[in-house]
Amino acid sequence: MAKLNRIEWIAICALIAGSIPGLANAGQGMTEQERMERVSRLMAAKNPLEPSNSVWIEELTYMEVRDRIAAGATTAIIPTGGVEENGPFLATGKHNYILAAMCPAIAAELGNALCAPIVPFVPEGSIDPPSGAMYFPGSISVRDETYDSLLDDIASSLKQHGFKDIVFIGDSGGNQKGMKSVAEKLNERWANSGVRAHFIAEFYTSGWEETEKYTAEVLGVEESRWDGHHDDIWVTAMMMVTNPDTVRHDQRLSADLATINGVDISDREKTIELGRKMVEFRARHTADAIRATLD
């Protein structure tokens, strides 16, 4: 492919900018009709590439999202996580790392769903004066109204592009109230539109409880004590599915601290496999709850 010179790059950038509302009046010379004709051409264009297999919307091109929706993937999952204190071993993005494993597993169970980007910023306590997680460095909190507005805008964006069922799941307790409230408000606003919002409480409440029971009764793994940290074997193992570094696995081995609440995690692959089985179970549990609310 020939290298573009500076003038050619400027021309391309001007064309792109002219298609964006708000930049159209910056001397680009493209009328509203011309912009909409360009949008129509781009939306009708055939994807020239082999499509990605990812279920993450942010990893797909607009053509891939368009074609997935047209093929029936009309359910979008909005996962909410958090950035908070999680003891001396776990990265502050604990919930986000768990969701990075969970959302694709849920989408695979459903077969007709895509995952919106993980929402990392959620209410974690008041900022000043601090409360909750905000006593600890690295935690990031947002006000309830900020969180609710963000969820509303994300869900509304997905509706705009053809998703019919917008599903909220949250891996942290503080996320639940806002998701429930936003889903209710959206359904009032979207009445008779053919689009629905769904808050899936089962992902967090019974999801954790049933996964703990499954881990003990089926997988044969139980905690024998509490180490006093905001951490446990279920969290640790599921985080390791995404990235063992997020639980500082190598450092814990070196420091002879590769246990949590009495459970040995020193065998990396064994612990990752344990986490994978937890993820698969919790995904099935959540997918069942989603199907029930879609019926």
C-alpha atoms as a PDB file:
ATOM      1  CA  MET A   1       0.000   0.000   0.000  1.00  0.00           C
ATOM      2  CA  ALA A   2       1.404   3.402  -1.003  1.00  0.00           C
ATOM      3  CA  LYS A   3       2.358   5.738   1.826  1.00  0.00           C
ATOM      4  CA  LEU A   4       0.072   8.762   2.113  1.00  0.00           C
ATOM      5  CA  ASN A   5       1.601  12.194   2.172  1.00  0.00           C
ATOM      6  CA  ARG A   6       0.639  14.902   4.649  1.00  0.00           C
ATOM      7  CA  ILE A   7      -1.837  16.598   2.299  1.00  0.00           C
ATOM      8  CA  GLU A   8      -3.602  13.302   1.629  1.00  0.00           C
ATOM      9  CA  TRP A   9      -3.852  12.581   5.367  1.00  0.00           C
ATOM     10  CA  ILE A  10      -5.331  16.028   5.978  1.00  0.00           C
ATOM     11  CA  ALA A  11      -7.914  15.423   3.262  1.00  0.00           C
ATOM     12  CA  ILE A  12      -8.926  12.076   4.792  1.00  0.00           C
ATOM     13  CA  CYS A  13      -9.169  13.572   8.275  1.00  0.00           C
ATOM     14  CA  ALA A  14     -11.297  16.409   6.935  1.00  0.00           C
ATOM     15  CA  LEU A  15     -13.660  13.907   5.306  1.00  0.00           C
ATOM     16  CA  ILE A  16     -14.018  11.978   8.570  1.00  0.00           C
ATOM     17  CA  ALA A  17     -14.497  15.132  10.624  1.00  0.00           C
ATOM     18  CA  GLY A  18     -17.148  16.310   8.214  1.00  0.00           C
ATOM     19  CA  SER A  19     -19.244  13.258   9.034  1.00  0.00           C
ATOM     20  CA  ILE A  20     -19.282  14.004  12.756  1.00  0.00           C
ATOM     21  CA  PRO A  21     -22.046  16.292  14.043  1.00  0.00           C
ATOM     22  CA  GLY A  22     -20.503  19.321  15.677  1.00  0.00           C
ATOM     23  CA  LEU A  23     -17.454  19.286  13.419  1.00  0.00           C
ATOM     24  CA  ALA A  24     -19.431  19.756  10.237  1.00  0.00           C
ATOM     25  CA  ASN A  25     -19.377  23.539  10.532  1.00  0.00           C
ATOM     26  CA  ALA A  26     -15.613  23.728  10.905  1.00  0.00           C
ATOM     27  CA  GLY A  27     -15.202  24.662   7.220  1.00  0.00           C
ATOM     28  CA  GLN A  28     -15.345  21.096   5.924  1.00  0.00           C
ATOM     29  CA  GLY A  29     -17.975  21.948   3.330  1.00  0.00           C
ATOM     30  CA  MET A  30     -20.126  18.809   3.698  1.00  0.00           C
ATOM     31  CA  THR A  31     -23.880  19.290   3.848  1.00  0.00           C
ATOM     32  CA  GLU A  32     -26.194  17.338   6.127  1.00  0.00           C
ATOM     33  CA  GLN A  33     -27.537  15.486   3.108  1.00  0.00           C
ATOM     34  CA  GLU A  34     -24.005  14.577   2.000  1.00  0.00           C
ATOM     35  CA  ARG A  35     -23.167  13.343   5.488  1.00  0.00           C
ATOM     36  CA  MET A  36     -26.251  11.155   5.635  1.00  0.00           C
ATOM     37  CA  GLU A  37     -25.565   9.783   2.164  1.00  0.00           C
ATOM     38  CA  ARG A  38     -22.071   8.881   3.336  1.00  0.00           C
ATOM     39  CA  VAL A  39     -23.477   7.192   6.443  1.00  0.00           C
ATOM     40  CA  SER A  40     -25.863   5.199   4.246  1.00  0.00           C
ATOM     41  CA  ARG A  41     -23.008   4.105   1.979  1.00  0.00           C
ATOM     42  CA  LEU A  42     -20.856   3.034   4.913  1.00  0.00           C
ATOM     43  CA  MET A  43     -23.724   1.192   6.590  1.00  0.00           C
ATOM     44  CA  ALA A  44     -24.498  -0.681   3.357  1.00  0.00           C
ATOM     45  CA  ALA A  45     -20.887  -1.585   2.604  1.00  0.00           C
ATOM     46  CA  LYS A  46     -19.908  -5.244   2.804  1.00  0.00           C
ATOM     47  CA  ASN A  47     -17.295  -6.244   5.351  1.00  0.00           C
ATOM     48  CA  PRO A  48     -14.108  -6.890   3.312  1.00  0.00           C
ATOM     49  CA  LEU A  49     -12.494  -8.959   6.079  1.00  0.00           C
ATOM     50  CA  GLU A  50     -13.000 -12.264   7.840  1.00  0.00           C
ATOM     51  CA  PRO A  51     -15.001 -11.203  10.929  1.00  0.00           C
ATOM     52  CA  SER A  52     -13.639 -11.423  14.455  1.00  0.00           C
ATOM     53  CA  ASN A  53     -14.991 -14.049  16.837  1.00  0.00           C
ATOM     54  CA  SER A  54     -14.872 -11.690  19.833  1.00  0.00           C
ATOM     55  CA  VAL A  55     -18.063 -10.961  21.754  1.00  0.00           C
ATOM     56  CA  TRP A  56     -16.719  -7.634  23.088  1.00  0.00           C
ATOM     57  CA  ILE A  57     -18.308  -4.746  21.216  1.00  0.00           C
ATOM     58  CA  GLU A  58     -15.213  -2.583  21.696  1.00  0.00           C
ATOM     59  CA  GLU A  59     -13.098  -5.231  19.924  1.00  0.00           C
ATOM     60  CA  LEU A  60     -15.399  -5.382  16.884  1.00  0.00           C
ATOM     61  CA  THR A  61     -15.614  -3.059  13.891  1.00  0.00           C
ATOM     62  CA  TYR A  62     -18.889  -1.275  13.253  1.00  0.00           C
ATOM     63  CA  MET A  63     -19.468  -3.691  10.367  1.00  0.00           C
ATOM     64  CA  GLU A  64     -19.013  -6.685  12.633  1.00  0.00           C
ATOM     65  CA  VAL A  65     -21.449  -5.282  15.207  1.00  0.00           C
ATOM     66  CA  ARG A  66     -23.941  -4.452  12.458  1.00  0.00           C
ATOM     67  CA  ASP A  67     -23.726  -7.942  10.997  1.00  0.00           C
ATOM     68  CA  ARG A  68     -23.978  -9.676  14.395  1.00  0.00           C
ATOM     69  CA  ILE A  69     -27.160  -7.743  15.188  1.00  0.00           C
ATOM     70  CA  ALA A  70     -28.603  -8.580  11.773  1.00  0.00           C
ATOM     71  CA  ALA A  71     -27.812 -12.248  12.416  1.00  0.00           C
ATOM     72  CA  GLY A  72     -29.802 -12.203  15.670  1.00  0.00           C
ATOM     73  CA  ALA A  73     -27.333 -11.110  18.351  1.00  0.00           C
ATOM     74  CA  THR A  74     -29.775  -8.557  19.737  1.00  0.00           C
ATOM     75  CA  THR A  75     -28.945  -8.963  23.428  1.00  0.00           C
ATOM     76  CA  ALA A  76     -26.278  -6.667  24.876  1.00  0.00           C
ATOM     77  CA  ILE A  77     -24.774  -7.244  28.315  1.00  0.00           C
ATOM     78  CA  ILE A  78     -23.531  -4.229  30.282  1.00  0.00           C
ATOM     79  CA  PRO A  79     -21.132  -5.499  32.987  1.00  0.00           C
ATOM     80  CA  THR A  80     -20.344  -3.183  35.909  1.00  0.00           C
ATOM     81  CA  GLY A  81     -17.246  -3.714  38.021  1.00  0.00           C
ATOM     82  CA  GLY A  82     -15.309  -1.299  40.196  1.00  0.00           C
ATOM     83  CA  VAL A  83     -11.908  -0.088  41.349  1.00  0.00           C
ATOM     84  CA  GLU A  84     -11.460  -0.613  45.078  1.00  0.00           C
ATOM     85  CA  GLU A  85      -9.312  -1.925  47.915  1.00  0.00           C
ATOM     86  CA  ASN A  86      -9.021  -5.713  47.881  1.00  0.00           C
ATOM     87  CA  GLY A  87      -6.338  -6.487  50.418  1.00  0.00           C
ATOM     88  CA  PRO A  88      -2.580  -6.937  49.940  1.00  0.00           C
ATOM     89  CA  PHE A  89      -2.701  -9.467  47.096  1.00  0.00           C
ATOM     90  CA  LEU A  90      -5.413  -8.436  44.638  1.00  0.00           C
ATOM     91  CA  ALA A  91      -5.325  -5.622  42.094  1.00  0.00           C
ATOM     92  CA  THR A  92      -7.861  -2.853  42.683  1.00  0.00           C
ATOM     93  CA  GLY A  93      -9.660  -3.776  39.447  1.00  0.00           C
ATOM     94  CA  LYS A  94     -10.726  -7.132  40.929  1.00  0.00           C
ATOM     95  CA  HIS A  95     -14.326  -6.971  39.731  1.00  0.00           C
ATOM     96  CA  ASN A  96     -13.304  -5.907  36.235  1.00  0.00           C
ATOM     97  CA  TYR A  97     -10.912  -8.849  35.870  1.00  0.00           C
ATOM     98  CA  ILE A  98     -13.632 -11.255  36.980  1.00  0.00           C
ATOM     99  CA  LEU A  99     -16.053  -9.747  34.463  1.00  0.00           C
ATOM    100  CA  ALA A 100     -13.453 -10.080  31.713  1.00  0.00           C
ATOM    101  CA  ALA A 101     -13.828 -13.844  32.151  1.00  0.00           C
ATOM    102  CA  MET A 102     -17.527 -13.885  33.045  1.00  0.00           C
ATOM    103  CA  CYS A 103     -19.166 -11.825  30.295  1.00  0.00           C
ATOM    104  CA  PRO A 104     -17.838 -13.863  27.324  1.00  0.00           C
ATOM    105  CA  ALA A 105     -18.830 -17.060  29.132  1.00  0.00           C
ATOM    106  CA  ILE A 106     -22.371 -15.738  29.649  1.00  0.00           C
ATOM    107  CA  ALA A 107     -22.583 -14.579  26.028  1.00  0.00           C
ATOM    108  CA  ALA A 108     -21.459 -18.024  24.874  1.00  0.00           C
ATOM    109  CA  GLU A 109     -24.172 -19.656  26.993  1.00  0.00           C
ATOM    110  CA  LEU A 110     -26.828 -17.368  25.514  1.00  0.00           C
ATOM    111  CA  GLY A 111     -25.585 -17.662  21.951  1.00  0.00           C
ATOM    112  CA  ASN A 112     -27.139 -14.375  20.816  1.00  0.00           C
ATOM    113  CA  ALA A 113     -25.418 -11.767  22.982  1.00  0.00           C
ATOM    114  CA  LEU A 114     -22.543  -9.308  22.853  1.00  0.00           C
ATOM    115  CA  CYS A 115     -20.711  -7.644  25.743  1.00  0.00           C
ATOM    116  CA  ALA A 116     -20.529  -3.886  26.123  1.00  0.00           C
ATOM    117  CA  PRO A 117     -17.273  -2.535  27.604  1.00  0.00           C
ATOM    118  CA  ILE A 118     -16.952  -3.161  31.346  1.00  0.00           C
ATOM    119  CA  VAL A 119     -18.008  -0.131  33.388  1.00  0.00           C
ATOM    120  CA  PRO A 120     -15.080   0.259  35.832  1.00  0.00           C
ATOM    121  CA  PHE A 121     -16.266   3.367  37.659  1.00  0.00           C
ATOM    122  CA  VAL A 122     -19.041   2.748  40.183  1.00  0.00           C
ATOM    123  CA  PRO A 123     -20.082   4.098  43.606  1.00  0.00           C
ATOM    124  CA  GLU A 124     -17.419   3.042  46.130  1.00  0.00           C
ATOM    125  CA  GLY A 125     -18.273   5.482  48.936  1.00  0.00           C
ATOM    126  CA  SER A 126     -18.186   9.224  49.445  1.00  0.00           C
ATOM    127  CA  ILE A 127     -15.003  10.915  48.277  1.00  0.00           C
ATOM    128  CA  ASP A 128     -14.570  13.812  50.692  1.00  0.00           C
ATOM    129  CA  PRO A 129     -14.937  13.053  53.505  1.00  0.00           C
ATOM    130  CA  PRO A 130     -14.139   9.453  52.534  1.00  0.00           C
ATOM    131  CA  SER A 131     -16.193   6.387  53.335  1.00  0.00           C
ATOM    132  CA  GLY A 132     -16.154   2.747  52.281  1.00  0.00           C
ATOM    133  CA  ALA A 133     -13.363   1.872  49.894  1.00  0.00           C
ATOM    134  CA  MET A 134     -12.362   5.526  49.587  1.00  0.00           C
ATOM    135  CA  TYR A 135     -10.214   5.316  52.718  1.00  0.00           C
ATOM    136  CA  PHE A 136      -7.756   3.279  50.654  1.00  0.00           C
ATOM    137  CA  PRO A 137      -5.442   4.552  47.863  1.00  0.00           C
ATOM    138  CA  GLY A 138      -6.298   3.365  44.368  1.00  0.00           C
ATOM    139  CA  SER A 139     -10.049   3.235  44.909  1.00  0.00           C
ATOM    140  CA  ILE A 140     -12.120   5.360  42.535  1.00  0.00           C
ATOM    141  CA  SER A 141     -15.699   6.347  43.264  1.00  0.00           C
ATOM    142  CA  VAL A 142     -18.425   8.159  41.354  1.00  0.00           C
ATOM    143  CA  ARG A 143     -21.618   9.720  42.634  1.00  0.00           C
ATOM    144  CA  ASP A 144     -24.830   7.744  42.305  1.00  0.00           C
ATOM    145  CA  GLU A 145     -26.190  10.215  39.782  1.00  0.00           C
ATOM    146  CA  THR A 146     -23.008   9.937  37.684  1.00  0.00           C
ATOM    147  CA  TYR A 147     -23.215   6.152  37.692  1.00  0.00           C
ATOM    148  CA  ASP A 148     -26.919   6.145  36.817  1.00  0.00           C
ATOM    149  CA  SER A 149     -26.423   8.641  33.983  1.00  0.00           C
ATOM    150  CA  LEU A 150     -23.552   6.598  32.561  1.00  0.00           C
ATOM    151  CA  LEU A 151     -25.602   3.407  32.566  1.00  0.00           C
ATOM    152  CA  ASP A 152     -28.537   5.222  30.968  1.00  0.00           C
ATOM    153  CA  ASP A 153     -26.363   6.621  28.172  1.00  0.00           C
ATOM    154  CA  ILE A 154     -24.639   3.292  27.479  1.00  0.00           C
ATOM    155  CA  ALA A 155     -27.943   1.424  27.324  1.00  0.00           C
ATOM    156  CA  SER A 156     -29.522   4.124  25.146  1.00  0.00           C
ATOM    157  CA  SER A 157     -26.573   3.938  22.756  1.00  0.00           C
ATOM    158  CA  LEU A 158     -27.045   0.187  22.400  1.00  0.00           C
ATOM    159  CA  LYS A 159     -30.773   0.631  21.788  1.00  0.00           C
ATOM    160  CA  GLN A 160     -30.006   3.187  19.089  1.00  0.00           C
ATOM    161  CA  HIS A 161     -28.071   0.612  17.103  1.00  0.00           C
ATOM    162  CA  GLY A 162     -30.608  -2.205  17.179  1.00  0.00           C
ATOM    163  CA  PHE A 163     -30.141  -4.196  20.372  1.00  0.00           C
ATOM    164  CA  LYS A 164     -33.503  -5.313  21.741  1.00  0.00           C
ATOM    165  CA  ASP A 165     -32.602  -6.598  25.206  1.00  0.00           C
ATOM    166  CA  ILE A 166     -30.150  -4.616  27.333  1.00  0.00           C
ATOM    167  CA  VAL A 167     -28.907  -6.636  30.307  1.00  0.00           C
ATOM    168  CA  PHE A 168     -27.226  -5.165  33.395  1.00  0.00           C
ATOM    169  CA  ILE A 169     -24.986  -7.346  35.581  1.00  0.00           C
ATOM    170  CA  GLY A 170     -22.772  -6.152  38.436  1.00  0.00           C
ATOM    171  CA  ASP A 171     -19.991  -7.944  40.289  1.00  0.00           C
ATOM    172  CA  SER A 172     -20.063  -5.653  43.331  1.00  0.00           C
ATOM    173  CA  GLY A 173     -22.767  -5.075  45.948  1.00  0.00           C
ATOM    174  CA  GLY A 174     -22.694  -1.298  45.590  1.00  0.00           C
ATOM    175  CA  ASN A 175     -23.587  -1.548  41.898  1.00  0.00           C
ATOM    176  CA  GLN A 176     -26.932  -3.272  42.323  1.00  0.00           C
ATOM    177  CA  LYS A 177     -29.260  -0.438  43.377  1.00  0.00           C
ATOM    178  CA  GLY A 178     -28.270   1.832  40.499  1.00  0.00           C
ATOM    179  CA  MET A 179     -28.662  -0.860  37.865  1.00  0.00           C
ATOM    180  CA  LYS A 180     -32.113  -1.770  39.140  1.00  0.00           C
ATOM    181  CA  SER A 181     -33.215   1.865  39.200  1.00  0.00           C
ATOM    182  CA  VAL A 182     -31.876   2.631  35.727  1.00  0.00           C
ATOM    183  CA  ALA A 183     -33.472  -0.486  34.216  1.00  0.00           C
ATOM    184  CA  GLU A 184     -36.847   0.494  35.646  1.00  0.00           C
ATOM    185  CA  LYS A 185     -36.585   4.059  34.320  1.00  0.00           C
ATOM    186  CA  LEU A 186     -35.482   2.884  30.892  1.00  0.00           C
ATOM    187  CA  ASN A 187     -38.411   0.503  30.616  1.00  0.00           C
ATOM    188  CA  GLU A 188     -40.794   3.328  31.436  1.00  0.00           C
ATOM    189  CA  ARG A 189     -39.201   5.490  28.775  1.00  0.00           C
ATOM    190  CA  TRP A 190     -38.981   2.679  26.230  1.00  0.00           C
ATOM    191  CA  ALA A 191     -42.551   1.475  26.657  1.00  0.00           C
ATOM    192  CA  ASN A 192     -43.979   0.159  23.360  1.00  0.00           C
ATOM    193  CA  SER A 193     -40.577   0.491  21.641  1.00  0.00           C
ATOM    194  CA  GLY A 194     -39.854  -3.238  21.482  1.00  0.00           C
ATOM    195  CA  VAL A 195     -36.689  -2.748  23.542  1.00  0.00           C
ATOM    196  CA  ARG A 196     -36.338  -3.773  27.182  1.00  0.00           C
ATOM    197  CA  ALA A 197     -33.782  -3.309  29.935  1.00  0.00           C
ATOM    198  CA  HIS A 198     -33.132  -6.128  32.390  1.00  0.00           C
ATOM    199  CA  PHE A 199     -31.391  -6.000  35.766  1.00  0.00           C
ATOM    200  CA  ILE A 200     -30.124  -9.484  36.568  1.00  0.00           C
ATOM    201  CA  ALA A 201     -29.765  -9.563  40.358  1.00  0.00           C
ATOM    202  CA  GLU A 202     -29.015 -13.293  40.210  1.00  0.00           C
ATOM    203  CA  PHE A 203     -25.552 -12.657  38.799  1.00  0.00           C
ATOM    204  CA  TYR A 204     -24.469 -11.143  42.116  1.00  0.00           C
ATOM    205  CA  THR A 205     -26.725 -12.488  44.869  1.00  0.00           C
ATOM    206  CA  SER A 206     -27.544 -16.120  44.191  1.00  0.00           C
ATOM    207  CA  GLY A 207     -24.693 -16.208  41.662  1.00  0.00           C
ATOM    208  CA  TRP A 208     -22.038 -15.907  44.358  1.00  0.00           C
ATOM    209  CA  GLU A 209     -23.905 -18.130  46.813  1.00  0.00           C
ATOM    210  CA  GLU A 210     -24.528 -20.912  44.322  1.00  0.00           C
ATOM    211  CA  THR A 211     -20.951 -20.771  43.032  1.00  0.00           C
ATOM    212  CA  GLU A 212     -19.640 -21.143  46.577  1.00  0.00           C
ATOM    213  CA  LYS A 213     -21.930 -24.130  47.137  1.00  0.00           C
ATOM    214  CA  TYR A 214     -20.888 -25.684  43.805  1.00  0.00           C
ATOM    215  CA  THR A 215     -17.209 -25.198  44.637  1.00  0.00           C
ATOM    216  CA  ALA A 216     -17.610 -27.035  47.931  1.00  0.00           C
ATOM    217  CA  GLU A 217     -20.069 -29.771  46.974  1.00  0.00           C
ATOM    218  CA  VAL A 218     -18.947 -30.560  43.417  1.00  0.00           C
ATOM    219  CA  LEU A 219     -15.364 -29.349  43.142  1.00  0.00           C
ATOM    220  CA  GLY A 220     -14.457 -30.310  46.702  1.00  0.00           C
ATOM    221  CA  VAL A 221     -12.811 -27.017  47.624  1.00  0.00           C
ATOM    222  CA  GLU A 222     -13.742 -25.245  50.869  1.00  0.00           C
ATOM    223  CA  GLU A 223     -12.211 -22.433  52.895  1.00  0.00           C
ATOM    224  CA  SER A 224     -11.116 -23.386  56.417  1.00  0.00           C
ATOM    225  CA  ARG A 225     -10.495 -19.928  57.871  1.00  0.00           C
ATOM    226  CA  TRP A 226     -10.682 -16.182  57.165  1.00  0.00           C
ATOM    227  CA  ASP A 227      -7.386 -14.362  56.662  1.00  0.00           C
ATOM    228  CA  GLY A 228      -8.972 -10.964  57.280  1.00  0.00           C
ATOM    229  CA  HIS A 229      -8.665  -9.702  53.695  1.00  0.00           C
ATOM    230  CA  HIS A 230     -11.221  -8.453  51.157  1.00  0.00           C
ATOM    231  CA  ASP A 231     -10.459 -11.615  49.225  1.00  0.00           C
ATOM    232  CA  ASP A 232     -11.450 -15.281  48.956  1.00  0.00           C
ATOM    233  CA  ILE A 233     -10.787 -18.393  46.874  1.00  0.00           C
ATOM    234  CA  TRP A 234     -13.668 -17.715  44.461  1.00  0.00           C
ATOM    235  CA  VAL A 235     -12.473 -14.201  43.669  1.00  0.00           C
ATOM    236  CA  THR A 236      -8.826 -15.246  43.439  1.00  0.00           C
ATOM    237  CA  ALA A 237      -9.427 -18.236  41.174  1.00  0.00           C
ATOM    238  CA  MET A 238     -11.734 -16.352  38.794  1.00  0.00           C
ATOM    239  CA  MET A 239      -9.289 -13.451  38.550  1.00  0.00           C
ATOM    240  CA  MET A 240      -6.537 -15.916  37.655  1.00  0.00           C
ATOM    241  CA  VAL A 241      -8.574 -17.067  34.644  1.00  0.00           C
ATOM    242  CA  THR A 242      -8.056 -13.580  33.220  1.00  0.00           C
ATOM    243  CA  ASN A 243      -4.508 -12.980  34.481  1.00  0.00           C
ATOM    244  CA  PRO A 244      -2.613 -14.611  37.384  1.00  0.00           C
ATOM    245  CA  ASP A 245      -0.570 -11.433  37.789  1.00  0.00           C
ATOM    246  CA  THR A 246      -3.674  -9.652  39.100  1.00  0.00           C
ATOM    247  CA  VAL A 247      -3.488 -11.781  42.264  1.00  0.00           C
ATOM    248  CA  ARG A 248       0.330 -11.421  42.414  1.00  0.00           C
ATOM    249  CA  HIS A 249       0.744 -15.179  42.035  1.00  0.00           C
ATOM    250  CA  ASP A 250       4.503 -15.230  41.439  1.00  0.00           C
ATOM    251  CA  GLN A 251       5.192 -12.796  44.278  1.00  0.00           C
ATOM    252  CA  ARG A 252       3.025 -14.801  46.677  1.00  0.00           C
ATOM    253  CA  LEU A 253       4.911 -17.971  45.811  1.00  0.00           C
ATOM    254  CA  SER A 254       8.211 -16.209  46.504  1.00  0.00           C
ATOM    255  CA  ALA A 255       6.908 -14.857  49.820  1.00  0.00           C
ATOM    256  CA  ASP A 256       5.367 -18.205  50.858  1.00  0.00           C
ATOM    257  CA  LEU A 257       1.896 -16.569  50.850  1.00  0.00           C
ATOM    258  CA  ALA A 258       0.219 -18.606  48.121  1.00  0.00           C
ATOM    259  CA  THR A 259      -2.910 -19.433  50.118  1.00  0.00           C
ATOM    260  CA  ILE A 260      -6.181 -17.664  50.756  1.00  0.00           C
ATOM    261  CA  ASN A 261      -8.475 -18.495  53.664  1.00  0.00           C
ATOM    262  CA  GLY A 262      -6.767 -21.863  54.067  1.00  0.00           C
ATOM    263  CA  VAL A 263      -6.887 -22.872  50.375  1.00  0.00           C
ATOM    264  CA  ASP A 264      -3.570 -23.522  48.610  1.00  0.00           C
ATOM    265  CA  ILE A 265      -3.214 -21.715  45.262  1.00  0.00           C
ATOM    266  CA  SER A 266       0.458 -22.485  44.668  1.00  0.00           C
ATOM    267  CA  ASP A 267      -0.309 -24.716  41.662  1.00  0.00           C
ATOM    268  CA  ARG A 268      -1.003 -22.051  39.040  1.00  0.00           C
ATOM    269  CA  GLU A 269      -2.650 -24.243  36.402  1.00  0.00           C
ATOM    270  CA  LYS A 270      -4.729 -26.132  38.941  1.00  0.00           C
ATOM    271  CA  THR A 271      -6.041 -22.864  40.395  1.00  0.00           C
ATOM    272  CA  ILE A 272      -6.782 -21.431  36.949  1.00  0.00           C
ATOM    273  CA  GLU A 273      -8.722 -24.585  36.087  1.00  0.00           C
ATOM    274  CA  LEU A 274     -10.634 -24.237  39.360  1.00  0.00           C
ATOM    275  CA  GLY A 275     -11.486 -20.659  38.427  1.00  0.00           C
ATOM    276  CA  ARG A 276     -12.528 -21.703  34.938  1.00  0.00           C
ATOM    277  CA  LYS A 277     -15.005 -24.216  36.344  1.00  0.00           C
ATOM    278  CA  MET A 278     -16.391 -21.527  38.668  1.00  0.00           C
ATOM    279  CA  VAL A 279     -16.781 -19.151  35.724  1.00  0.00           C
ATOM    280  CA  GLU A 280     -18.565 -21.788  33.645  1.00  0.00           C
ATOM    281  CA  PHE A 281     -20.962 -22.607  36.478  1.00  0.00           C
ATOM    282  CA  ARG A 282     -21.748 -18.975  37.278  1.00  0.00           C
ATOM    283  CA  ALA A 283     -22.224 -18.242  33.573  1.00  0.00           C
ATOM    284  CA  ARG A 284     -24.797 -21.029  33.271  1.00  0.00           C
ATOM    285  CA  HIS A 285     -26.569 -19.776  36.384  1.00  0.00           C
ATOM    286  CA  THR A 286     -26.663 -16.218  35.004  1.00  0.00           C
ATOM    287  CA  ALA A 287     -27.709 -17.258  31.499  1.00  0.00           C
ATOM    288  CA  ASP A 288     -30.638 -19.180  32.982  1.00  0.00           C
ATOM    289  CA  ALA A 289     -31.714 -16.052  34.879  1.00  0.00           C
ATOM    290  CA  ILE A 290     -31.414 -13.932  31.719  1.00  0.00           C
ATOM    291  CA  ARG A 291     -33.481 -16.392  29.684  1.00  0.00           C
ATOM    292  CA  ALA A 292     -36.144 -16.354  32.366  1.00  0.00           C
ATOM    293  CA  THR A 293     -36.464 -12.584  32.254  1.00  0.00           C
ATOM    294  CA  LEU A 294     -36.502 -12.530  28.450  1.00  0.00           C
ATOM    295  CA  ASP A 295     -39.445 -14.947  28.263  1.00  0.00           C
END
